[in-house]
Amino acid sequence: MDLKIKSKSFMAIMGQSGSGKTTLLHVLGCLHKPSSGVYKLDGINVSSLNDNQLSGIRNSKIGFIFQKFNLLNGYNIVKNVELPLQYMGIEKAERKERAIKILEKVGLKDRLKHKPSELSGGQVQRVAIARALVTNPAIILGDEMTGNLDSATSIEIMELMVQLHDEGSTIIYVTHSEEMGKYANEIIWMSDGKRIIDHK
């Protein structure tokens, strides 16, 4: 596959189950290495990096939003959002300040002391988005991030993605929903691991 994604793109990757769209997203996010060929991110040949180097790129450049929220129900949402900063060695006071600021940005100012289990599905997804944003990544990758949400909440989440893109983020997301795909400026359709058609 020959694919070039420009900075500040807003791209949806679509296709049937098993079409390869999530695999592509994982390669783009440095979770997997390509089985063949070369993948470059900001001019760096990712294919040649070791696991520690890949982890460094993920932490510094990429924010992930998954269908399964992967939050820790034993902690309140501020602590959940702080965790990526803790792994980066950032001091406690700064971690908390940044976590609260980004949670306020995604509309959860009044829920800071709540645990994920005490929130609605849409609110929990906003926590997951805040966690992805707290490291100030240039690239946001979403894997079926509205897949478990109702239609109204899905629209709210996608409108938040539009806002983040307008503020300068590169956003690439996988979806099986044509309605959710319409928010992107560019759509790539996948089949059997191949790009078959593009839309704008």
C-alpha atoms as a PDB file:
ATOM      1  CA  MET A   1       0.000   0.000   0.000  1.00  0.00           C
ATOM      2  CA  ASP A   2       1.274   3.441  -0.958  1.00  0.00           C
ATOM      3  CA  LEU A   3      -0.155   6.003   1.462  1.00  0.00           C
ATOM      4  CA  LYS A   4       0.900   9.523   2.386  1.00  0.00           C
ATOM      5  CA  ILE A   5      -0.907  11.422   5.131  1.00  0.00           C
ATOM      6  CA  LYS A   6      -0.279  15.125   5.508  1.00  0.00           C
ATOM      7  CA  SER A   7       0.018  16.944   8.811  1.00  0.00           C
ATOM      8  CA  LYS A   8      -3.349  18.245  10.101  1.00  0.00           C
ATOM      9  CA  SER A   9      -5.299  15.723   8.032  1.00  0.00           C
ATOM     10  CA  PHE A  10      -8.758  14.601   9.182  1.00  0.00           C
ATOM     11  CA  MET A  11      -9.051  11.091   7.773  1.00  0.00           C
ATOM     12  CA  ALA A  12     -11.450   8.183   8.207  1.00  0.00           C
ATOM     13  CA  ILE A  13     -10.425   4.606   7.415  1.00  0.00           C
ATOM     14  CA  MET A  14     -13.450   2.501   6.497  1.00  0.00           C
ATOM     15  CA  GLY A  15     -14.229  -1.036   5.386  1.00  0.00           C
ATOM     16  CA  GLN A  16     -15.879  -4.271   6.432  1.00  0.00           C
ATOM     17  CA  SER A  17     -14.702  -6.296   9.436  1.00  0.00           C
ATOM     18  CA  GLY A  18     -11.412  -7.990   8.597  1.00  0.00           C
ATOM     19  CA  SER A  19     -10.558  -5.498   5.851  1.00  0.00           C
ATOM     20  CA  GLY A  20      -7.311  -4.438   7.526  1.00  0.00           C
ATOM     21  CA  LYS A  21      -8.349  -1.005   8.749  1.00  0.00           C
ATOM     22  CA  THR A  22      -7.407  -1.567  12.399  1.00  0.00           C
ATOM     23  CA  THR A  23      -4.110  -3.174  11.374  1.00  0.00           C
ATOM     24  CA  LEU A  24      -3.326  -0.083   9.309  1.00  0.00           C
ATOM     25  CA  LEU A  25      -4.176   2.157  12.262  1.00  0.00           C
ATOM     26  CA  HIS A  26      -1.885   0.128  14.523  1.00  0.00           C
ATOM     27  CA  VAL A  27       0.976   0.476  12.046  1.00  0.00           C
ATOM     28  CA  LEU A  28       0.368   4.228  11.810  1.00  0.00           C
ATOM     29  CA  GLY A  29       0.393   4.388  15.614  1.00  0.00           C
ATOM     30  CA  CYS A  30       3.653   2.424  15.954  1.00  0.00           C
ATOM     31  CA  LEU A  31       1.883  -0.407  17.790  1.00  0.00           C
ATOM     32  CA  HIS A  32       2.833  -2.823  15.002  1.00  0.00           C
ATOM     33  CA  LYS A  33       5.633  -2.774  12.463  1.00  0.00           C
ATOM     34  CA  PRO A  34       4.665  -3.282   8.818  1.00  0.00           C
ATOM     35  CA  SER A  35       5.183  -6.862   7.629  1.00  0.00           C
ATOM     36  CA  SER A  36       6.896  -5.492   4.529  1.00  0.00           C
ATOM     37  CA  GLY A  37       7.835  -2.141   3.078  1.00  0.00           C
ATOM     38  CA  VAL A  38       8.704   1.051   4.943  1.00  0.00           C
ATOM     39  CA  TYR A  39       6.682   3.324   7.211  1.00  0.00           C
ATOM     40  CA  LYS A  40       8.053   6.794   7.914  1.00  0.00           C
ATOM     41  CA  LEU A  41       6.681   9.178  10.533  1.00  0.00           C
ATOM     42  CA  ASP A  42       8.021  12.727  10.386  1.00  0.00           C
ATOM     43  CA  GLY A  43      10.816  11.417   8.181  1.00  0.00           C
ATOM     44  CA  ILE A  44      11.818   8.683  10.656  1.00  0.00           C
ATOM     45  CA  ASN A  45      11.899   5.122   9.336  1.00  0.00           C
ATOM     46  CA  VAL A  46       9.734   3.548  12.022  1.00  0.00           C
ATOM     47  CA  SER A  47      10.293   0.069  10.604  1.00  0.00           C
ATOM     48  CA  SER A  48      13.900   0.082  11.828  1.00  0.00           C
ATOM     49  CA  LEU A  49      13.247   1.177  15.429  1.00  0.00           C
ATOM     50  CA  ASN A  50      13.372  -1.039  18.515  1.00  0.00           C
ATOM     51  CA  ASP A  51      10.545  -1.348  21.047  1.00  0.00           C
ATOM     52  CA  ASN A  52      11.875   1.373  23.364  1.00  0.00           C
ATOM     53  CA  GLN A  53      12.219   3.802  20.473  1.00  0.00           C
ATOM     54  CA  LEU A  54       8.703   2.987  19.268  1.00  0.00           C
ATOM     55  CA  SER A  55       7.376   3.561  22.779  1.00  0.00           C
ATOM     56  CA  GLY A  56       9.083   6.938  22.853  1.00  0.00           C
ATOM     57  CA  ILE A  57       7.415   7.969  19.605  1.00  0.00           C
ATOM     58  CA  ARG A  58       4.004   6.831  20.840  1.00  0.00           C
ATOM     59  CA  ASN A  59       4.384   8.782  24.079  1.00  0.00           C
ATOM     60  CA  SER A  60       5.586  11.985  22.448  1.00  0.00           C
ATOM     61  CA  LYS A  61       3.642  12.157  19.197  1.00  0.00           C
ATOM     62  CA  ILE A  62       0.485  10.022  19.319  1.00  0.00           C
ATOM     63  CA  GLY A  63      -2.727   9.910  21.335  1.00  0.00           C
ATOM     64  CA  PHE A  64      -4.901   6.774  21.115  1.00  0.00           C
ATOM     65  CA  ILE A  65      -8.676   6.526  21.548  1.00  0.00           C
ATOM     66  CA  PHE A  66     -10.059   2.991  21.560  1.00  0.00           C
ATOM     67  CA  GLN A  67     -13.551   1.494  21.436  1.00  0.00           C
ATOM     68  CA  LYS A  68     -12.803  -0.186  24.753  1.00  0.00           C
ATOM     69  CA  PHE A  69     -11.980   2.719  27.001  1.00  0.00           C
ATOM     70  CA  ASN A  70      -9.224   0.920  28.979  1.00  0.00           C
ATOM     71  CA  LEU A  71      -9.739   3.158  32.010  1.00  0.00           C
ATOM     72  CA  LEU A  72      -9.043   2.148  35.617  1.00  0.00           C
ATOM     73  CA  ASN A  73     -12.233   2.065  37.679  1.00  0.00           C
ATOM     74  CA  GLY A  74     -10.265   2.198  40.929  1.00  0.00           C
ATOM     75  CA  TYR A  75      -9.175   5.778  40.208  1.00  0.00           C
ATOM     76  CA  ASN A  76     -11.093   8.991  39.623  1.00  0.00           C
ATOM     77  CA  ILE A  77     -10.985  10.465  36.155  1.00  0.00           C
ATOM     78  CA  VAL A  78      -8.277  13.006  36.991  1.00  0.00           C
ATOM     79  CA  LYS A  79      -5.923  10.206  38.036  1.00  0.00           C
ATOM     80  CA  ASN A  80      -6.826   8.210  34.916  1.00  0.00           C
ATOM     81  CA  VAL A  81      -5.926  11.138  32.684  1.00  0.00           C
ATOM     82  CA  GLU A  82      -2.725  11.805  34.635  1.00  0.00           C
ATOM     83  CA  LEU A  83      -1.291   8.338  34.024  1.00  0.00           C
ATOM     84  CA  PRO A  84       0.408   8.975  30.643  1.00  0.00           C
ATOM     85  CA  LEU A  85       2.148  11.981  32.198  1.00  0.00           C
ATOM     86  CA  GLN A  86       3.281   9.873  35.138  1.00  0.00           C
ATOM     87  CA  TYR A  87       4.907   7.420  32.728  1.00  0.00           C
ATOM     88  CA  MET A  88       6.729  10.392  31.196  1.00  0.00           C
ATOM     89  CA  GLY A  89       8.149  11.375  34.588  1.00  0.00           C
ATOM     90  CA  ILE A  90       6.254  14.652  34.922  1.00  0.00           C
ATOM     91  CA  GLU A  91       5.885  16.046  38.446  1.00  0.00           C
ATOM     92  CA  LYS A  92       2.652  15.368  40.357  1.00  0.00           C
ATOM     93  CA  ALA A  93       1.441  18.979  40.562  1.00  0.00           C
ATOM     94  CA  GLU A  94       1.885  19.556  36.833  1.00  0.00           C
ATOM     95  CA  ARG A  95       0.232  16.227  36.023  1.00  0.00           C
ATOM     96  CA  LYS A  96      -2.861  17.134  38.006  1.00  0.00           C
ATOM     97  CA  GLU A  97      -3.046  20.639  36.556  1.00  0.00           C
ATOM     98  CA  ARG A  98      -2.813  19.386  32.982  1.00  0.00           C
ATOM     99  CA  ALA A  99      -5.313  16.582  33.582  1.00  0.00           C
ATOM    100  CA  ILE A 100      -7.903  18.948  35.057  1.00  0.00           C
ATOM    101  CA  LYS A 101      -7.406  21.452  32.249  1.00  0.00           C
ATOM    102  CA  ILE A 102      -7.978  18.875  29.511  1.00  0.00           C
ATOM    103  CA  LEU A 103     -10.977  17.341  31.309  1.00  0.00           C
ATOM    104  CA  GLU A 104     -12.523  20.795  31.467  1.00  0.00           C
ATOM    105  CA  LYS A 105     -11.858  21.150  27.747  1.00  0.00           C
ATOM    106  CA  VAL A 106     -13.865  18.008  26.961  1.00  0.00           C
ATOM    107  CA  GLY A 107     -16.773  19.128  29.138  1.00  0.00           C
ATOM    108  CA  LEU A 108     -16.193  17.208  32.373  1.00  0.00           C
ATOM    109  CA  LYS A 109     -15.473  20.070  34.772  1.00  0.00           C
ATOM    110  CA  ASP A 110     -18.233  18.913  37.135  1.00  0.00           C
ATOM    111  CA  ARG A 111     -17.180  15.247  37.167  1.00  0.00           C
ATOM    112  CA  LEU A 112     -13.548  15.446  38.277  1.00  0.00           C
ATOM    113  CA  LYS A 113     -14.004  13.387  41.456  1.00  0.00           C
ATOM    114  CA  HIS A 114     -16.016  10.668  39.736  1.00  0.00           C
ATOM    115  CA  LYS A 115     -14.693   7.253  38.781  1.00  0.00           C
ATOM    116  CA  PRO A 116     -15.319   5.912  35.251  1.00  0.00           C
ATOM    117  CA  SER A 117     -17.949   3.483  36.573  1.00  0.00           C
ATOM    118  CA  GLU A 118     -19.990   6.456  37.798  1.00  0.00           C
ATOM    119  CA  LEU A 119     -20.244   8.107  34.373  1.00  0.00           C
ATOM    120  CA  SER A 120     -22.330   7.605  31.241  1.00  0.00           C
ATOM    121  CA  GLY A 121     -20.847   5.977  28.140  1.00  0.00           C
ATOM    122  CA  GLY A 122     -20.385   9.321  26.441  1.00  0.00           C
ATOM    123  CA  GLN A 123     -18.702  10.816  29.492  1.00  0.00           C
ATOM    124  CA  VAL A 124     -16.355   7.843  29.773  1.00  0.00           C
ATOM    125  CA  GLN A 125     -15.374   8.256  26.125  1.00  0.00           C
ATOM    126  CA  ARG A 126     -14.625  11.922  26.840  1.00  0.00           C
ATOM    127  CA  VAL A 127     -12.309  10.787  29.630  1.00  0.00           C
ATOM    128  CA  ALA A 128     -10.556   8.487  27.157  1.00  0.00           C
ATOM    129  CA  ILE A 129     -10.226  11.405  24.737  1.00  0.00           C
ATOM    130  CA  ALA A 130      -8.809  13.615  27.500  1.00  0.00           C
ATOM    131  CA  ARG A 131      -6.259  10.918  28.339  1.00  0.00           C
ATOM    132  CA  ALA A 132      -5.235  10.808  24.672  1.00  0.00           C
ATOM    133  CA  LEU A 133      -4.862  14.597  24.554  1.00  0.00           C
ATOM    134  CA  VAL A 134      -3.064  15.243  27.839  1.00  0.00           C
ATOM    135  CA  THR A 135       0.410  14.669  26.355  1.00  0.00           C
ATOM    136  CA  ASN A 136      -0.296  17.260  23.621  1.00  0.00           C
ATOM    137  CA  PRO A 137       0.157  14.770  20.761  1.00  0.00           C
ATOM    138  CA  ALA A 138       0.360  15.989  17.189  1.00  0.00           C
ATOM    139  CA  ILE A 139      -1.575  12.921  16.002  1.00  0.00           C
ATOM    140  CA  ILE A 140      -4.814  11.473  17.384  1.00  0.00           C
ATOM    141  CA  LEU A 141      -5.740   7.926  16.340  1.00  0.00           C
ATOM    142  CA  GLY A 142      -9.223   6.551  17.022  1.00  0.00           C
ATOM    143  CA  ASP A 143     -10.321   2.917  16.651  1.00  0.00           C
ATOM    144  CA  GLU A 144     -14.137   2.654  16.470  1.00  0.00           C
ATOM    145  CA  MET A 145     -14.287   5.355  19.139  1.00  0.00           C
ATOM    146  CA  THR A 146     -18.078   5.742  18.788  1.00  0.00           C
ATOM    147  CA  GLY A 147     -18.774   2.026  18.340  1.00  0.00           C
ATOM    148  CA  ASN A 148     -20.324   1.550  21.800  1.00  0.00           C
ATOM    149  CA  LEU A 149     -22.229   4.851  21.904  1.00  0.00           C
ATOM    150  CA  ASP A 150     -25.751   5.852  20.918  1.00  0.00           C
ATOM    151  CA  SER A 151     -26.319   8.111  17.912  1.00  0.00           C
ATOM    152  CA  ALA A 152     -26.661  11.374  19.837  1.00  0.00           C
ATOM    153  CA  THR A 153     -23.537  10.741  21.910  1.00  0.00           C
ATOM    154  CA  SER A 154     -21.606   9.649  18.806  1.00  0.00           C
ATOM    155  CA  ILE A 155     -22.411  12.967  17.172  1.00  0.00           C
ATOM    156  CA  GLU A 156     -21.173  14.831  20.263  1.00  0.00           C
ATOM    157  CA  ILE A 157     -17.881  12.925  20.177  1.00  0.00           C
ATOM    158  CA  MET A 158     -17.376  13.549  16.457  1.00  0.00           C
ATOM    159  CA  GLU A 159     -18.138  17.248  16.882  1.00  0.00           C
ATOM    160  CA  LEU A 160     -15.397  17.303  19.521  1.00  0.00           C
ATOM    161  CA  MET A 161     -13.056  15.681  16.979  1.00  0.00           C
ATOM    162  CA  VAL A 162     -13.939  18.422  14.484  1.00  0.00           C
ATOM    163  CA  GLN A 163     -13.060  21.022  17.117  1.00  0.00           C
ATOM    164  CA  LEU A 164      -9.717  19.358  17.837  1.00  0.00           C
ATOM    165  CA  HIS A 165      -8.922  19.217  14.133  1.00  0.00           C
ATOM    166  CA  ASP A 166      -9.783  22.897  13.769  1.00  0.00           C
ATOM    167  CA  GLU A 167      -7.280  23.573  16.557  1.00  0.00           C
ATOM    168  CA  GLY A 168      -4.520  21.877  14.550  1.00  0.00           C
ATOM    169  CA  SER A 169      -4.544  18.170  15.417  1.00  0.00           C
ATOM    170  CA  THR A 170      -4.008  15.447  12.826  1.00  0.00           C
ATOM    171  CA  ILE A 171      -6.881  12.992  13.300  1.00  0.00           C
ATOM    172  CA  ILE A 172      -7.101   9.517  11.765  1.00  0.00           C
ATOM    173  CA  TYR A 173      -9.892   7.199  12.821  1.00  0.00           C
ATOM    174  CA  VAL A 174     -11.331   3.819  11.944  1.00  0.00           C
ATOM    175  CA  THR A 175     -15.100   3.476  11.676  1.00  0.00           C
ATOM    176  CA  HIS A 176     -17.597   1.111  10.082  1.00  0.00           C
ATOM    177  CA  SER A 177     -20.282   3.831  10.169  1.00  0.00           C
ATOM    178  CA  GLU A 178     -20.722   5.915   7.041  1.00  0.00           C
ATOM    179  CA  GLU A 179     -22.425   8.589   9.156  1.00  0.00           C
ATOM    180  CA  MET A 180     -19.354   8.911  11.371  1.00  0.00           C
ATOM    181  CA  GLY A 181     -17.095   8.807   8.324  1.00  0.00           C
ATOM    182  CA  LYS A 182     -18.749  11.922   6.911  1.00  0.00           C
ATOM    183  CA  TYR A 183     -17.039  14.104   9.504  1.00  0.00           C
ATOM    184  CA  ALA A 184     -13.626  13.465   7.931  1.00  0.00           C
ATOM    185  CA  ASN A 185     -12.133  15.529   5.127  1.00  0.00           C
ATOM    186  CA  GLU A 186     -10.795  12.364   3.503  1.00  0.00           C
ATOM    187  CA  ILE A 187     -11.981   8.742   3.551  1.00  0.00           C
ATOM    188  CA  ILE A 188      -9.922   5.660   2.719  1.00  0.00           C
ATOM    189  CA  TRP A 189     -11.850   2.449   2.008  1.00  0.00           C
ATOM    190  CA  MET A 190     -10.075  -0.825   2.785  1.00  0.00           C
ATOM    191  CA  SER A 191     -10.664  -4.372   1.522  1.00  0.00           C
ATOM    192  CA  ASP A 192      -8.464  -7.420   2.168  1.00  0.00           C
ATOM    193  CA  GLY A 193      -5.689  -5.223   3.500  1.00  0.00           C
ATOM    194  CA  LYS A 194      -5.658  -2.971   0.443  1.00  0.00           C
ATOM    195  CA  ARG A 195      -6.811   0.575  -0.154  1.00  0.00           C
ATOM    196  CA  ILE A 196      -9.528   0.341  -2.794  1.00  0.00           C
ATOM    197  CA  ILE A 197     -10.956   3.849  -3.084  1.00  0.00           C
ATOM    198  CA  ASP A 198     -10.559   7.330  -1.601  1.00  0.00           C
ATOM    199  CA  HIS A 199     -13.175  10.016  -1.059  1.00  0.00           C
ATOM    200  CA  LYS A 200     -13.000  13.668  -0.106  1.00  0.00           C
END
